Amino acid sequence: MKYWITALAVLAWLSESLALADDFKTINRKEYKNTTVSHVEADGIVLRTESGISKVYFVELPKEVQKRFHYDPAKVVAAQREAEEVALQSKQDESRLSSTAVEDDEALPKKIFIAVIVFVVCLLIAIGAFIKKSYL
């Protein structure tokens, strides 16, 4: 009884995907036919076609398409700077962590030496106490 609702929903979904299908032509005359825009990024659009997924950069598209998807070159530059800052911060963090590891590696022999000395002293005290108790 409710099968018609499911069929209607599927039909609406299919008609929507067909309605959203679009053709794109780059300034180099490369054509993308019957595509669906998967998502928009700062520097381009990701298109889904029958043959797969492609990213087309806004600089390759005509001005009308750039305006349609609100392309802003300043946003691309800002995104690139942000990515560079993140990469630099990551590199600095990695460097800081590796230098801390080197410091820890250098401190390890000292800690082992101190632990051995403490163990030997404790052992000598225990032996001394045992000997003292034996003679009494």
Protein backbone atom coordinates (compact mmCIF):
# COMPACT_ATOMS: atom_id res chain seq x y z
CA MET A 1 0.00 0.00 0.00
CA LYS A 2 2.86 2.39 0.81
CA TYR A 3 4.96 1.23 -2.14
CA TRP A 4 3.74 4.12 -4.23
CA ILE A 5 5.32 6.57 -1.75
CA THR A 6 8.71 4.89 -2.12
CA ALA A 7 8.34 4.80 -5.91
CA LEU A 8 7.40 8.47 -5.95
CA ALA A 9 10.43 9.38 -3.78
CA VAL A 10 12.78 7.43 -6.07
CA LEU A 11 11.24 9.03 -9.15
CA ALA A 12 11.64 12.51 -7.62
CA TRP A 13 15.26 11.79 -6.72
CA LEU A 14 16.03 10.56 -10.25
CA SER A 15 14.34 13.53 -11.88
CA GLU A 16 16.24 15.89 -9.57
CA SER A 17 19.59 14.34 -10.53
CA LEU A 18 18.68 14.67 -14.21
CA ALA A 19 17.58 18.25 -13.71
CA LEU A 20 20.88 19.11 -12.04
CA ALA A 21 22.96 17.58 -14.85
CA ASP A 22 24.98 20.23 -16.63
CA ASP A 23 27.58 20.62 -19.35
CA PHE A 24 30.85 22.49 -18.83
CA LYS A 25 33.38 23.66 -21.39
CA THR A 26 36.80 24.93 -20.34
CA ILE A 27 38.59 27.83 -21.99
CA ASN A 28 40.82 25.18 -23.60
CA ARG A 29 37.67 23.68 -25.18
CA LYS A 30 37.63 20.52 -23.10
CA GLU A 31 34.03 19.44 -22.54
CA TYR A 32 32.39 17.76 -19.57
CA LYS A 33 28.94 16.56 -20.60
CA ASN A 34 26.02 15.53 -18.41
CA THR A 35 27.84 16.33 -15.18
CA THR A 36 26.73 16.93 -11.64
CA VAL A 37 28.63 19.32 -9.40
CA SER A 38 29.74 17.20 -6.46
CA HIS A 39 31.07 20.11 -4.45
CA VAL A 40 32.67 23.52 -4.82
CA GLU A 41 36.14 24.26 -3.46
CA ALA A 42 37.97 27.58 -3.22
CA ASP A 43 40.01 26.91 -6.36
CA GLY A 44 37.60 24.85 -8.47
CA ILE A 45 34.62 22.55 -8.76
CA VAL A 46 34.48 18.79 -8.50
CA LEU A 47 32.35 17.23 -11.22
CA ARG A 48 30.79 13.78 -11.27
CA THR A 49 30.28 12.25 -14.70
CA GLU A 50 29.49 8.79 -16.01
CA SER A 51 33.22 8.17 -16.47
CA GLY A 52 34.23 9.29 -12.96
CA ILE A 53 35.07 12.33 -10.87
CA SER A 54 37.11 15.30 -12.11
CA LYS A 55 38.27 18.54 -10.58
CA VAL A 56 38.17 21.56 -12.83
CA TYR A 57 39.97 24.67 -11.64
CA PHE A 58 38.19 28.01 -11.94
CA VAL A 59 41.06 29.50 -13.95
CA GLU A 60 40.19 26.91 -16.64
CA LEU A 61 36.52 27.94 -16.74
CA PRO A 62 34.84 30.90 -18.44
CA LYS A 63 34.05 34.02 -16.40
CA GLU A 64 30.31 33.25 -16.38
CA VAL A 65 30.92 29.90 -14.67
CA GLN A 66 33.32 31.53 -12.22
CA LYS A 67 30.63 34.07 -11.27
CA ARG A 68 27.97 31.35 -11.02
CA PHE A 69 30.02 29.52 -8.39
CA HIS A 70 31.22 32.72 -6.63
CA TYR A 71 34.90 32.29 -7.49
CA ASP A 72 37.10 34.73 -5.60
CA PRO A 73 40.86 34.66 -6.33
CA ALA A 74 41.52 36.34 -2.96
CA LYS A 75 39.92 33.36 -1.20
CA VAL A 76 42.23 31.00 -3.10
CA VAL A 77 45.29 33.00 -2.04
CA ALA A 78 44.04 33.08 1.56
CA ALA A 79 43.41 29.31 1.50
CA GLN A 80 46.91 28.70 0.10
CA ARG A 81 48.47 30.89 2.80
CA GLU A 82 46.48 29.10 5.47
CA ALA A 83 47.62 25.72 4.12
CA GLU A 84 51.24 26.92 4.09
CA GLU A 85 50.92 28.17 7.69
CA VAL A 86 49.44 24.85 8.79
CA ALA A 87 52.26 22.97 7.05
CA LEU A 88 54.88 25.23 8.65
CA GLN A 89 53.28 24.84 12.08
CA SER A 90 53.20 21.07 11.62
CA LYS A 91 56.85 21.06 10.62
CA GLN A 92 57.77 23.17 13.66
CA ASP A 93 55.79 20.88 15.96
CA GLU A 94 57.50 17.84 14.46
CA SER A 95 60.91 19.46 14.90
CA ARG A 96 60.12 20.37 18.50
CA LEU A 97 58.95 16.84 19.25
CA SER A 98 62.01 15.26 17.66
CA SER A 99 64.35 17.55 19.64
CA THR A 100 62.50 16.60 22.84
CA ALA A 101 62.98 12.94 21.96
CA VAL A 102 66.71 13.53 21.49
CA GLU A 103 66.90 15.24 24.88
CA ASP A 104 65.07 12.28 26.44
CA ASP A 105 67.46 9.85 24.73
CA GLU A 106 70.44 11.76 26.14
CA ALA A 107 68.93 11.81 29.64
CA LEU A 108 68.18 8.07 29.64
CA PRO A 109 71.78 6.84 30.28
CA LYS A 110 72.10 9.31 33.18
CA LYS A 111 68.86 8.03 34.70
CA ILE A 112 69.98 4.42 34.33
CA PHE A 113 73.35 5.22 35.92
CA ILE A 114 71.66 6.90 38.90
CA ALA A 115 69.26 3.97 39.29
CA VAL A 116 72.16 1.48 39.30
CA ILE A 117 74.04 3.55 41.92
CA VAL A 118 70.95 3.71 44.14
CA PHE A 119 70.44 -0.05 43.75
CA VAL A 120 74.09 -0.80 44.65
CA VAL A 121 73.94 1.48 47.71
CA CYS A 122 70.71 -0.18 48.88
CA LEU A 123 72.27 -3.60 48.31
CA LEU A 124 75.36 -2.66 50.34
CA ILE A 125 73.21 -1.37 53.17
CA ALA A 126 71.18 -4.59 53.17
CA ILE A 127 74.36 -6.73 53.17
CA GLY A 128 75.82 -4.63 55.98
CA ALA A 129 72.67 -5.05 58.03
CA PHE A 130 72.68 -8.81 57.40
CA ILE A 131 76.34 -9.13 58.43
CA LYS A 132 75.80 -6.99 61.53
CA LYS A 133 72.81 -9.13 62.54
CA SER A 134 74.83 -12.30 61.97
CA TYR A 135 77.58 -11.28 64.36
CA LEU A 136 75.27 -10.30 67.16
